[in-house]
Protein backbone atom coordinates (compact mmCIF):
# COMPACT_ATOMS: atom_id res chain seq x y z
CA MET A 1 -11.93 -14.75 -13.36
CA LEU A 2 -15.19 -13.52 -14.83
CA GLU A 3 -13.65 -12.27 -18.02
CA VAL A 4 -15.34 -11.02 -21.17
CA SER A 5 -13.85 -9.91 -24.45
CA ARG A 6 -10.80 -7.90 -23.38
CA ASN A 7 -7.53 -6.75 -24.94
CA ILE A 8 -7.37 -7.73 -28.65
CA CYS A 9 -9.05 -11.10 -28.24
CA GLN A 10 -12.62 -11.29 -29.56
CA LYS A 11 -13.45 -14.77 -28.28
CA CYS A 12 -12.37 -16.01 -24.91
CA LEU A 13 -12.89 -18.33 -22.02
CA ALA A 14 -13.59 -16.82 -18.66
CA GLY A 15 -13.56 -18.05 -15.13
CA ILE A 16 -14.59 -17.13 -11.65
CA ALA A 17 -11.91 -17.51 -9.01
CA ILE A 18 -13.54 -18.78 -5.85
CA GLY A 19 -11.73 -20.20 -2.88
CA GLY A 20 -8.55 -20.65 -4.88
CA LEU A 21 -10.33 -22.67 -7.63
CA LEU A 22 -10.75 -21.51 -11.18
CA VAL A 23 -14.17 -22.38 -12.63
CA MET A 24 -14.16 -21.84 -16.39
CA VAL A 25 -17.17 -20.47 -18.21
CA GLY A 26 -17.76 -19.35 -21.78
CA CYS A 27 -18.20 -15.81 -22.99
CA SER A 28 -19.61 -14.40 -26.16
CA GLY A 29 -17.10 -11.64 -26.82
CA ASP A 30 -19.90 -9.07 -27.01
CA ASN A 31 -18.53 -5.68 -26.03
CA SER A 32 -21.52 -3.61 -27.09
CA LEU A 33 -21.95 -2.08 -23.65
CA ILE A 34 -18.56 -0.41 -23.80
CA SER A 35 -18.52 0.48 -27.46
CA ALA A 36 -19.22 4.08 -28.40
CA PRO A 37 -22.21 5.16 -30.48
CA ASN A 38 -21.52 5.13 -34.20
CA SER A 39 -22.20 8.87 -34.35
CA VAL A 40 -19.14 9.67 -32.26
CA VAL A 41 -16.13 10.83 -34.29
CA TYR A 42 -12.90 9.77 -32.60
CA GLU A 43 -9.94 12.10 -32.93
CA ARG A 44 -6.50 12.07 -31.45
CA VAL A 45 -5.16 14.44 -28.84
CA THR A 46 -1.88 16.22 -29.39
CA GLY A 47 -0.50 19.26 -27.62
CA THR A 48 -3.50 21.26 -26.48
CA ASN A 49 -5.71 20.33 -29.42
CA ILE A 50 -7.43 17.24 -30.77
CA GLU A 51 -6.66 16.56 -34.39
CA ALA A 52 -7.07 13.77 -36.93
CA PRO A 53 -5.58 11.61 -38.27
CA VAL A 54 -2.66 10.21 -36.27
CA THR A 55 0.61 11.40 -37.79
CA GLU A 56 4.01 9.76 -37.99
CA CYS A 57 4.99 11.62 -34.83
CA SER A 58 2.55 9.58 -32.78
CA ALA A 59 4.41 7.43 -30.27
CA LEU A 60 2.46 4.22 -29.92
CA GLU A 61 3.16 1.06 -27.97
CA GLU A 62 1.84 -2.45 -28.42
CA SER A 63 -1.33 -3.38 -26.56
CA GLN A 64 -0.59 -5.15 -23.29
CA LEU A 65 -1.99 -6.15 -19.94
CA THR A 66 -0.84 -4.16 -16.93
CA VAL A 67 -1.26 -5.48 -13.42
CA LEU A 68 -2.05 -2.97 -10.69
CA ASN A 69 0.78 -2.31 -8.29
CA LYS A 70 0.35 -2.82 -4.57
CA LEU A 71 -0.67 0.75 -3.72
CA GLN A 72 -3.11 0.89 -6.63
CA TYR A 73 -4.73 -2.33 -5.45
CA VAL A 74 -5.08 -0.97 -1.91
CA ASN A 75 -6.61 2.23 -3.29
CA MET A 76 -8.94 0.26 -5.57
CA ILE A 77 -10.39 -1.74 -2.69
CA ARG A 78 -10.79 1.44 -0.66
CA ASP A 79 -12.57 3.33 -3.45
CA VAL A 80 -14.75 0.53 -4.80
CA TYR A 81 -16.68 0.45 -1.53
CA HIS A 82 -16.72 4.17 -0.80
CA PRO A 83 -18.05 5.59 1.55
CA LEU A 84 -16.68 2.70 3.61
CA THR A 85 -13.08 3.19 4.74
CA ILE A 86 -11.46 -0.18 4.10
CA ASP A 87 -7.69 -0.17 4.53
CA ILE A 88 -5.90 -3.40 3.54
CA SER A 89 -2.40 -1.89 3.32
CA GLU A 90 -1.07 -4.01 6.17
CA GLU A 91 -2.66 -7.19 4.82
CA VAL A 92 -1.02 -6.84 1.38
CA GLU A 93 2.34 -5.55 2.63
CA SER A 94 3.97 -8.97 2.38
CA ILE A 95 2.32 -9.95 -0.92
CA TYR A 96 4.47 -9.76 -4.04
CA PHE A 97 2.58 -8.28 -6.98
CA PRO A 98 3.93 -9.94 -10.16
CA ASP A 99 3.53 -8.85 -13.77
CA TYR A 100 1.45 -11.94 -14.40
CA PHE A 101 -1.50 -13.71 -12.78
CA ASP A 102 -0.29 -16.89 -11.08
CA GLN A 103 -1.90 -19.31 -8.64
CA VAL A 104 0.24 -18.30 -5.64
CA PHE A 105 -0.67 -14.65 -6.12
CA LEU A 106 -4.34 -15.58 -6.45
CA GLN A 107 -4.31 -17.64 -3.27
CA ARG A 108 -2.67 -14.88 -1.24
CA LEU A 109 -5.18 -12.33 -2.51
CA SER A 110 -8.00 -14.73 -1.65
CA SER A 111 -7.22 -14.37 2.05
CA VAL A 112 -7.36 -10.60 1.66
CA SER A 113 -10.67 -10.87 -0.17
CA ASP A 114 -12.16 -12.70 2.80
CA LEU A 115 -11.32 -9.75 5.05
CA VAL A 116 -12.79 -7.28 2.58
CA ALA A 117 -15.99 -9.35 2.32
CA GLU A 118 -16.42 -9.36 6.10
CA GLU A 119 -15.86 -5.62 6.26
CA VAL A 120 -18.42 -4.92 3.53
CA ILE A 121 -21.17 -7.09 4.99
CA THR A 122 -20.57 -5.75 8.50
CA ASN A 123 -21.05 -2.17 7.28
CA PHE A 124 -23.52 -2.91 4.50
CA ASP A 125 -26.00 -0.29 5.73
CA GLN A 126 -23.42 2.46 5.06
CA LEU A 127 -23.18 1.72 1.32
CA GLU A 128 -26.08 4.05 0.43
CA LEU A 129 -27.82 1.27 -1.49
CA ALA A 130 -31.62 0.99 -1.40
CA CYS A 131 -32.07 -2.65 -0.52
CA ASP A 132 -34.71 -5.21 0.53
CA PHE A 133 -32.03 -7.88 0.91
CA ASP A 134 -33.24 -9.87 -2.09
CA VAL A 135 -32.03 -10.76 -5.59
CA ALA A 136 -32.92 -7.29 -6.89
CA CYS A 137 -30.74 -5.77 -4.19
CA ALA A 138 -27.90 -8.11 -5.12
CA GLU A 139 -28.23 -7.08 -8.76
CA SER A 140 -28.01 -3.40 -7.78
CA PHE A 141 -24.92 -4.18 -5.72
CA ILE A 142 -23.30 -6.02 -8.62
CA SER A 143 -24.03 -3.23 -11.12
CA LYS A 144 -22.88 -0.36 -8.88
CA PHE A 145 -19.76 -1.82 -7.33
CA GLY A 146 -18.89 -4.02 -10.30
CA ARG A 147 -18.66 -0.92 -12.49
CA ARG A 148 -16.17 0.55 -10.04
CA ALA A 149 -14.12 -2.63 -9.64
CA PHE A 150 -13.92 -3.40 -13.39
CA ARG A 151 -13.82 0.29 -14.40
CA ARG A 152 -16.54 -0.28 -16.99
CA LEU A 153 -20.10 -1.49 -17.39
CA LEU A 154 -20.63 -5.18 -16.75
CA THR A 155 -22.14 -7.19 -19.58
CA GLU A 156 -25.48 -8.92 -19.18
CA GLU A 157 -23.65 -12.26 -19.16
CA GLU A 158 -21.39 -11.12 -16.34
CA VAL A 159 -24.29 -9.89 -14.24
CA SER A 160 -26.14 -13.15 -14.85
CA GLU A 161 -23.12 -15.25 -13.85
CA LEU A 162 -22.57 -13.22 -10.69
CA LEU A 163 -26.23 -13.48 -9.72
CA GLU A 164 -25.95 -17.24 -10.15
CA LYS A 165 -22.98 -17.30 -7.78
CA PHE A 166 -24.95 -15.14 -5.36
CA SER A 167 -27.93 -17.51 -5.48
CA GLU A 168 -25.76 -20.54 -4.75
CA GLN A 169 -25.08 -19.24 -1.25
CA PRO A 170 -27.41 -20.09 1.68
CA THR A 171 -28.03 -16.49 2.84
CA PHE A 172 -28.07 -12.97 1.45
CA ASP A 173 -24.96 -12.06 3.46
CA ASP A 174 -23.05 -15.08 2.18
CA GLY A 175 -24.04 -14.25 -1.39
CA ILE A 176 -22.80 -10.66 -1.10
CA LYS A 177 -19.56 -11.87 0.46
CA GLN A 178 -19.02 -14.16 -2.51
CA ILE A 179 -19.52 -11.26 -4.93
CA VAL A 180 -17.06 -9.12 -2.96
CA ARG A 181 -14.47 -11.92 -3.07
CA ILE A 182 -14.82 -12.15 -6.85
CA PHE A 183 -14.46 -8.39 -7.28
CA ALA A 184 -11.28 -8.47 -5.16
CA ILE A 185 -9.46 -11.18 -7.13
CA ASP A 186 -10.92 -11.09 -10.63
CA SER A 187 -8.51 -10.34 -13.45
CA ASN A 188 -10.79 -7.54 -14.68
CA ALA A 189 -10.14 -5.76 -11.39
CA ILE A 190 -6.45 -6.53 -10.99
CA TYR A 191 -5.38 -5.85 -14.58
CA GLN A 192 -5.74 -2.76 -16.73
CA TYR A 193 -6.93 -4.20 -20.02
CA VAL A 194 -6.81 -2.59 -23.44
CA GLU A 195 -9.46 -3.61 -25.93
CA GLY A 196 -10.07 -0.26 -27.55
CA ILE A 197 -11.61 0.67 -30.86
CA ALA A 198 -9.85 -0.29 -34.09
CA ALA A 199 -8.40 2.62 -36.06
CA GLU A 200 -6.47 2.80 -39.31
CA GLY A 201 -2.84 1.78 -39.59
CA GLY A 202 -3.01 -1.03 -37.05
CA LYS A 203 -3.80 1.44 -34.27
CA VAL A 204 -6.26 1.06 -31.44
CA LEU A 205 -8.01 4.01 -29.82
CA LEU A 206 -8.77 3.60 -26.13
CA ASN A 207 -12.49 3.51 -25.49
CA ASP A 208 -13.94 5.96 -22.99
CA PHE A 209 -13.74 3.61 -20.00
CA GLU A 210 -10.11 2.79 -20.78
CA LYS A 211 -9.31 6.49 -21.03
CA ALA A 212 -11.00 7.08 -17.69
CA SER A 213 -9.02 4.29 -16.07
CA ARG A 214 -5.69 5.42 -17.48
CA LEU A 215 -6.36 9.04 -16.53
CA SER A 216 -7.36 8.20 -12.98
CA PHE A 217 -4.49 5.80 -12.29
CA LEU A 218 -2.02 8.37 -13.61
CA LEU A 219 -3.33 11.41 -11.75
CA TRP A 220 -4.89 9.85 -8.63
CA ASN A 221 -3.28 6.38 -8.56
CA THR A 222 -6.65 4.73 -8.11
CA ILE A 223 -9.81 3.76 -9.97
CA PRO A 224 -12.02 6.39 -11.66
CA ASP A 225 -14.57 7.98 -9.36
CA ASP A 226 -18.28 7.88 -10.18
CA GLU A 227 -18.23 11.24 -11.99
CA LEU A 228 -15.46 10.07 -14.31
CA LEU A 229 -17.18 6.74 -14.93
CA ASP A 230 -20.44 8.57 -15.66
CA ALA A 231 -18.62 10.73 -18.23
CA ALA A 232 -17.18 7.59 -19.83
CA GLU A 233 -20.58 5.94 -19.92
CA ARG A 234 -22.02 8.99 -21.73
CA GLY A 235 -19.18 8.94 -24.26
CA SER A 236 -17.99 12.39 -23.11
CA LEU A 237 -14.31 11.42 -23.08
CA SER A 238 -14.42 10.97 -26.86
CA THR A 239 -14.59 14.74 -27.32
CA LYS A 240 -11.86 17.28 -26.71
CA ALA A 241 -14.00 19.36 -24.37
CA GLY A 242 -15.28 16.37 -22.40
CA PHE A 243 -11.86 14.80 -21.94
CA HIS A 244 -10.17 18.06 -20.95
CA LYS A 245 -12.94 18.87 -18.49
CA GLN A 246 -12.36 15.64 -16.61
CA ALA A 247 -8.57 15.88 -16.86
CA GLU A 248 -8.64 19.37 -15.37
CA ARG A 249 -11.00 18.25 -12.60
CA LEU A 250 -8.56 15.54 -11.57
CA LEU A 251 -5.54 17.83 -11.94
CA ASN A 252 -7.18 20.50 -9.79
CA ALA A 253 -7.38 18.04 -6.90
CA ARG A 254 -3.74 18.92 -6.14
CA GLU A 255 -3.50 16.87 -2.96
CA ARG A 256 -4.56 13.70 -4.75
CA VAL A 257 -2.22 14.41 -7.67
CA GLY A 258 0.63 14.82 -5.19
CA ASP A 259 -0.23 11.48 -3.59
CA SER A 260 -0.08 9.84 -7.01
CA THR A 261 3.33 11.25 -7.95
CA THR A 262 5.36 10.31 -4.87
CA ALA A 263 6.14 6.78 -6.12
CA PHE A 264 7.56 8.22 -9.34
CA PHE A 265 9.83 10.62 -7.48
CA ARG A 266 11.00 7.95 -5.06
CA HIS A 267 12.12 5.90 -8.05
CA TRP A 268 13.66 8.86 -9.88
CA PHE A 269 15.77 9.77 -6.85
CA GLY A 270 16.77 6.14 -6.33
CA LEU A 271 15.05 5.92 -2.96
CA ASP A 272 13.09 2.74 -3.67
CA TYR A 273 16.42 0.93 -3.92
CA ALA A 274 17.48 2.25 -0.50
CA ILE A 275 14.45 1.02 1.45
CA GLY A 276 16.13 -2.26 2.43
CA LYS A 277 19.16 -0.54 3.95
CA MET A 278 17.47 -0.11 7.36
CA GLN A 279 19.06 3.29 7.84
CA PRO A 280 18.20 5.08 11.10
CA ASN A 281 15.37 7.57 10.53
CA PHE A 282 15.12 6.63 6.84
CA ASP A 283 11.38 5.88 7.10
CA THR A 284 10.86 9.30 8.70
CA ALA A 285 12.98 10.92 6.00
CA LEU A 286 10.89 9.22 3.30
CA LYS A 287 7.72 10.66 4.83
CA GLU A 288 9.24 14.12 4.62
CA PHE A 289 10.26 13.47 1.01
CA ASP A 290 6.68 12.53 0.12
CA LEU A 291 5.36 15.64 1.88
CA LEU A 292 7.77 17.82 -0.11
CA ILE A 293 6.55 16.31 -3.40
CA LYS A 294 2.91 16.78 -2.42
CA ASP A 295 3.63 20.35 -1.38
CA ALA A 296 5.31 21.05 -4.72
CA TYR A 297 2.28 19.88 -6.71
CA HIS A 298 -0.14 21.63 -4.38
CA ASN A 299 1.67 24.92 -4.97
CA GLU A 300 2.19 24.37 -8.72
CA SER A 301 5.97 24.38 -8.40
CA SER A 302 8.56 23.83 -11.11
CA LEU A 303 11.24 21.18 -11.43
CA ASN A 304 13.85 23.81 -10.56
CA ASP A 305 11.95 24.56 -7.34
CA LEU A 306 12.47 20.97 -6.19
CA PHE A 307 16.25 21.39 -6.40
CA THR A 308 16.39 24.86 -4.87
CA THR A 309 13.58 24.98 -2.29
CA ASN A 310 14.34 25.80 1.35
CA ILE A 311 11.07 24.19 2.50
CA ALA A 312 11.31 21.21 4.85
CA PHE A 313 8.88 19.14 6.90
CA VAL A 314 10.33 18.26 10.27
CA ASN A 315 9.38 16.27 13.32
CA ARG A 316 11.56 15.85 16.39
CA ASP A 317 14.04 13.49 14.71
CA LEU A 318 14.47 15.54 11.54
CA ALA A 319 14.71 18.81 13.48
CA ASP A 320 17.73 17.35 15.23
CA ILE A 321 19.29 16.31 11.90
CA TYR A 322 18.65 19.74 10.37
CA GLY A 323 20.11 21.57 13.36
CA LEU A 324 16.79 22.97 14.55
CA SER A 325 15.47 23.06 18.08
CA THR A 326 13.65 19.86 19.08
CA GLU A 327 11.82 21.52 21.96
CA GLY A 328 8.08 21.00 21.73
CA ARG A 329 8.31 18.87 18.60
CA ILE A 330 6.54 15.52 18.43
CA GLU A 331 8.06 12.41 16.86
CA GLY A 332 5.23 11.64 14.44
CA LYS A 333 4.02 15.19 13.72
CA PHE A 334 5.57 17.07 10.79
CA GLU A 335 5.75 20.84 10.63
CA ARG A 336 6.46 22.89 7.49
CA VAL A 337 9.53 25.07 8.07
CA LEU A 338 12.08 27.06 6.07
CA LEU A 339 15.76 26.13 6.25
CA ASP A 340 18.46 28.77 5.98
CA ASP A 341 21.34 26.69 4.66
CA ARG A 342 19.96 23.79 2.59
CA LYS A 343 18.73 24.02 -0.99
CA GLY A 344 16.53 21.39 -2.56
CA LEU A 345 15.85 17.69 -2.28
CA LEU A 346 19.50 16.73 -2.68
CA THR A 347 20.17 18.19 0.78
CA ARG A 348 17.21 16.56 2.49
CA ALA A 349 17.55 13.56 4.77
CA ALA A 350 15.89 11.03 2.44
CA PHE A 351 18.41 11.41 -0.36
CA LEU A 352 21.41 11.82 1.96
CA THR A 353 20.65 8.76 4.12
CA GLY A 354 19.46 6.69 1.17
CA THR A 355 22.88 7.12 -0.46
CA SER A 356 24.86 6.31 2.69
CA ASP A 357 25.38 3.46 5.09
CA SER A 358 24.84 3.60 8.84
CA SER A 359 28.25 5.09 9.60
CA ARG A 360 29.39 7.14 6.63
CA SER A 361 28.43 8.97 3.48
CA ILE A 362 29.08 7.27 0.13
CA PRO A 363 30.06 9.92 -2.43
CA THR A 364 30.18 7.34 -5.23
CA GLU A 365 26.60 6.26 -4.66
CA ARG A 366 25.38 9.85 -4.40
CA GLY A 367 27.09 10.66 -7.68
CA ILE A 368 25.69 7.58 -9.40
CA VAL A 369 22.12 8.47 -8.43
CA VAL A 370 22.46 12.06 -9.66
CA GLY A 371 24.15 10.95 -12.87
CA THR A 372 22.13 7.88 -13.80
CA HIS A 373 18.73 8.65 -12.26
CA LEU A 374 18.45 12.42 -12.48
CA ALA A 375 20.49 12.98 -15.66
CA CYS A 376 19.81 9.63 -17.40
CA GLN A 377 23.49 8.94 -18.06
CA THR A 378 25.31 5.61 -18.16
CA TRP A 379 28.72 4.70 -16.80
CA PRO A 380 31.21 2.41 -18.58
CA LEU A 381 31.22 -1.17 -17.33
CA SER A 382 34.47 -3.04 -16.71
CA GLU A 383 35.22 -6.68 -17.46
CA PRO A 384 34.34 -8.89 -14.43
CA ALA A 385 37.99 -9.74 -13.65
CA GLU A 386 39.05 -6.09 -13.79
CA LEU A 387 36.04 -5.02 -11.76
CA GLN A 388 36.77 -7.56 -9.03
CA ASP A 389 40.31 -6.24 -8.69
CA SER A 390 39.08 -2.67 -8.61
CA LEU A 391 36.73 -3.33 -5.68
CA ALA A 392 39.68 -3.62 -3.32
CA PHE A 393 39.36 0.08 -2.48
CA LEU A 394 36.12 -0.67 -0.59
CA PHE A 395 38.14 -2.40 2.07
CA TYR A 396 40.69 0.37 2.48
CA GLN A 397 40.34 2.21 5.75
CA GLN A 398 40.18 5.97 5.96
CA GLU A 399 43.57 6.93 7.32
CA GLU A 400 44.33 9.61 9.88
CA GLY A 401 44.37 13.05 8.31
CA GLU A 402 42.23 11.94 5.37
CA THR A 403 38.73 12.99 4.42
CA ARG A 404 36.49 10.49 2.70
CA ARG A 405 37.27 12.33 -0.53
CA ASP A 406 41.01 11.86 0.06
CA THR A 407 40.55 8.14 0.70
CA LEU A 408 38.50 7.57 -2.44
CA THR A 409 40.92 9.54 -4.57
CA ARG A 410 43.88 7.58 -3.20
CA THR A 411 42.31 4.14 -3.51
CA THR A 412 40.73 4.54 -6.94
CA GLY A 413 43.39 6.58 -8.66
CA HIS A 414 45.87 3.71 -8.91
CA SER A 415 43.70 1.76 -11.36
CA ARG A 416 42.56 2.74 -14.84
CA VAL A 417 39.49 0.58 -14.31
CA CYS A 418 38.60 2.36 -11.08
CA SER A 419 39.43 5.88 -12.15
CA SER A 420 37.48 5.70 -15.43
CA CYS A 421 34.24 5.27 -13.51
CA HIS A 422 35.01 7.21 -10.35
CA PHE A 423 36.03 10.24 -12.37
CA LEU A 424 32.39 10.38 -13.48
CA THR A 425 30.63 9.40 -10.27
CA ASP A 426 32.62 10.75 -7.36
CA ASN A 427 32.88 14.43 -8.23
CA ILE A 428 29.14 14.94 -7.84
CA GLY A 429 29.20 13.04 -4.56
CA PHE A 430 32.08 15.15 -3.24
CA THR A 431 29.90 18.28 -3.49
CA LEU A 432 27.58 16.68 -0.88
CA GLU A 433 30.33 15.69 1.57
CA ASN A 434 29.30 18.42 4.00
CA PHE A 435 26.49 16.02 4.96
CA ASP A 436 27.28 12.83 6.84
CA GLY A 437 25.58 9.45 6.54
CA HIS A 438 22.64 10.65 8.62
CA GLY A 439 22.20 13.90 6.69
CA ARG A 440 23.68 16.16 9.37
CA TYR A 441 25.73 19.13 8.24
CA ARG A 442 29.44 19.07 9.05
CA GLU A 443 32.50 21.15 8.31
CA LEU A 444 35.03 18.46 9.21
CA ASP A 445 35.50 14.85 8.22
CA ASN A 446 37.94 12.83 10.31
CA LYS A 447 38.96 16.18 11.90
CA VAL A 448 39.98 17.51 8.48
CA PRO A 449 38.20 20.41 6.69
CA ILE A 450 35.94 19.24 3.86
CA ASN A 451 36.47 20.58 0.34
CA PRO A 452 33.16 20.24 -1.60
CA SER A 453 34.21 22.08 -4.78
CA VAL A 454 34.77 20.11 -8.01
CA GLU A 455 35.05 20.39 -11.76
CA ASP A 456 32.45 17.94 -13.06
CA SER A 457 32.50 16.47 -16.56
CA PHE A 458 28.72 16.90 -17.02
CA PHE A 459 27.74 19.91 -14.90
CA GLY A 460 30.96 21.93 -14.93
CA PRO A 461 32.38 23.73 -11.85
CA ILE A 462 30.37 23.14 -8.65
CA ASN A 463 31.25 24.88 -5.38
CA ASN A 464 29.07 23.04 -2.85
CA ALA A 465 25.75 21.23 -2.32
CA ASN A 466 23.62 24.35 -2.71
CA ASP A 467 25.45 25.19 -5.91
CA LEU A 468 24.77 21.64 -7.12
CA GLY A 469 21.05 22.18 -6.55
CA ASP A 470 21.08 25.40 -8.60
CA ILE A 471 22.98 23.75 -11.44
CA VAL A 472 21.02 20.48 -11.55
CA GLY A 473 17.68 22.29 -11.32
CA ASN A 474 18.50 24.37 -14.39
CA ALA A 475 20.32 21.72 -16.43
CA GLU A 476 18.66 20.84 -19.75
CA LEU A 477 20.03 17.33 -19.35
CA VAL A 478 18.08 16.88 -16.10
CA LYS A 479 14.91 18.49 -17.47
CA ASN A 480 14.98 16.20 -20.50
CA CYS A 481 15.67 13.20 -18.28
CA PHE A 482 12.69 14.15 -16.12
CA VAL A 483 10.44 14.28 -19.18
CA ARG A 484 11.76 10.98 -20.46
CA GLU A 485 11.34 9.22 -17.12
CA TRP A 486 7.74 10.42 -16.85
CA TYR A 487 7.12 9.32 -20.43
CA GLN A 488 8.56 5.91 -19.66
CA HIS A 489 6.56 5.70 -16.43
CA VAL A 490 3.22 6.61 -18.02
CA PHE A 491 3.57 4.69 -21.27
CA LEU A 492 5.21 1.58 -19.82
CA ARG A 493 8.45 1.72 -21.76
CA LYS A 494 10.56 -1.06 -20.26
CA TYR A 495 13.85 0.33 -21.52
CA MET A 496 14.84 3.51 -23.24
CA LYS A 497 18.18 4.73 -24.45
CA PRO A 498 20.20 7.05 -22.16
CA LEU A 499 19.96 10.72 -23.05
CA THR A 500 22.98 11.97 -24.93
CA ASN A 501 22.07 15.36 -26.33
CA SER A 502 20.32 18.58 -25.39
CA TYR A 503 17.06 17.53 -27.06
CA GLY A 504 16.45 14.53 -24.84
CA TYR A 505 15.77 11.98 -27.56
CA ALA A 506 18.03 9.10 -28.58
CA THR A 507 21.07 9.24 -30.83
CA GLU A 508 22.94 6.31 -32.29
CA VAL A 509 25.97 6.46 -29.98
CA ASN A 510 26.19 7.94 -26.50
CA GLN A 511 29.09 9.92 -25.09
CA LEU A 512 30.68 6.75 -23.74
CA GLY A 513 30.58 4.98 -27.09
CA HIS A 514 27.66 2.69 -26.29
CA THR A 515 24.96 2.03 -28.87
CA VAL A 516 21.57 1.21 -27.38
CA PRO A 517 18.32 0.77 -29.34
CA VAL A 518 15.19 2.77 -28.56
CA PRO A 519 11.78 2.70 -30.29
CA SER A 520 12.09 5.32 -33.02
CA GLN A 521 8.48 6.40 -32.66
CA ASP A 522 9.30 7.87 -29.24
CA ASP A 523 11.83 10.39 -30.53
CA CYS A 524 9.40 12.83 -32.12
CA GLU A 525 7.02 12.88 -29.17
CA LEU A 526 9.84 13.28 -26.65
CA GLN A 527 11.15 16.23 -28.61
CA ARG A 528 7.70 17.84 -28.51
CA LEU A 529 7.33 17.20 -24.79
CA ASN A 530 10.79 18.59 -24.04
CA SER A 531 9.96 21.72 -25.99
CA ARG A 532 6.64 22.18 -24.20
CA PHE A 533 8.20 21.54 -20.78
CA SER A 534 10.76 24.25 -21.52
CA GLU A 535 8.03 26.67 -22.63
CA LEU A 536 6.20 25.93 -19.37
CA ASP A 537 9.34 26.77 -17.35
CA GLY A 538 9.44 23.26 -15.93
CA ASP A 539 5.91 23.37 -14.50
CA LEU A 540 5.28 20.00 -12.83
CA VAL A 541 1.51 20.01 -13.30
CA GLY A 542 1.92 21.35 -16.83
CA LEU A 543 3.94 18.29 -17.81
CA LEU A 544 1.12 16.02 -16.63
CA ARG A 545 -1.26 17.98 -18.88
CA GLU A 546 1.05 17.43 -21.82
CA LEU A 547 1.34 13.70 -21.09
CA VAL A 548 -2.42 13.15 -21.04
CA ASP A 549 -2.67 15.12 -24.29
CA SER A 550 -0.06 12.92 -25.96
CA PRO A 551 -1.16 10.57 -28.75
CA ALA A 552 0.53 7.78 -26.81
CA PHE A 553 -2.00 8.32 -24.04
CA HIS A 554 -5.00 7.76 -26.32
CA TYR A 555 -3.78 5.14 -28.79
CA TYR A 556 -2.13 1.75 -28.82
CA ARG A 557 -0.70 -0.26 -31.69
CA LEU A 558 -1.71 -3.89 -32.22
């Protein structure tokens, strides 16, 4: 896996993965090509300014390897060989991307690398590479596309090793294919490494190439483009002006930023857990959800806008669900429309079907997602024996003259174990009962009028689903949860304590009496980010600016 000095290791062994075999080679640990000139003064970024030194408020994590996720890998292959349009999304769909580099994963990627190699050599003339089909051409290919794949300059040793592998092949085409295979499965391509530049206090400052990579994967969900890599190579990202110039350039590409954020929002709304349910029209509903997120970032919307918007994207199937005319609408074509009676993402088909089964709504699940995902709360857990007894209500049938709300109240109210949880979860779900398991609006359930009004323990009195959107969109608890979830997403926090106060940072004991540890260095930075997000009136793009200006973005701790 053609690996030079990466992460915090100064001496290493490296290998080239070819045909499923790992051939080990030595490496010198020389990282001079990616080190900054001695004249550059490195400073930290905080708020909207760069200051030095790092203060106690800096939230720093330990250095670690991060494997690309499936979509990032697909995007990497596509963008390494730009202007070619190589799409391997179908080929990697069934491949599990682990947090570690194992032999099974390597073998499955090897088959994908063969397809990429064939595609590159077939369209080699489109790569805009001056070439006489000789060793010099191969070296140009390695330098240009290797910089993209590894997100940094290749060392002289790496170029030499790759040229040797090229020369071992019988023809020019075979040699280029071998290089493409290596770029597709090498650990330098698949992992985001952190080597950095040592700073005081056991801290490590990301070097310019690492900043470029982190910035691009956050904002565009792919590798840095040539302009960003050029800036890193010049050392421009070490200055406040140079870094902010590139960050703004990426942020101003609103469509690409929207594409990058959809995975986060799917997770935050609990939709990634619903994908396996095989709900009718759920895939279509997810596409609309993604379009709504992209539209929000394109139009510089706020978090509150997401919960109160009347914008929808409909095709024929969704028009039917939303009570619109289906005449002239095409199944796969989405049209931006305004709805009269539905506010925000909580009333859109993706959330409503994702928290239902094929025949009915599930108020409990809807309430759990709003409470635990959107408000970062926890629910008390029962002892296994008590919990097993309490699950009997799931098998109770909805009786004649009962709404779903009536049935849940009747079947959970008899047990202290049941009621202690359902008191927290079900009220929120009841406010959405005017929407069935498919997301269609209804006034009756089981021929009985629906009552969506509740008195919720977290959000107070709620009249209906639209009222829920207004309340959730303005709730400090939800805003702080949103900030924390983004912070956790960007800075790879595996577990953070549930929010329990209006500031959004951890306290010793939550409202339910549970004590959960959280890295103390996060508290100060989360408080700053919450304050800035409030000052920005919940601006979605503004929060991304604050995150890339955070000390945690620029530094690691050994």
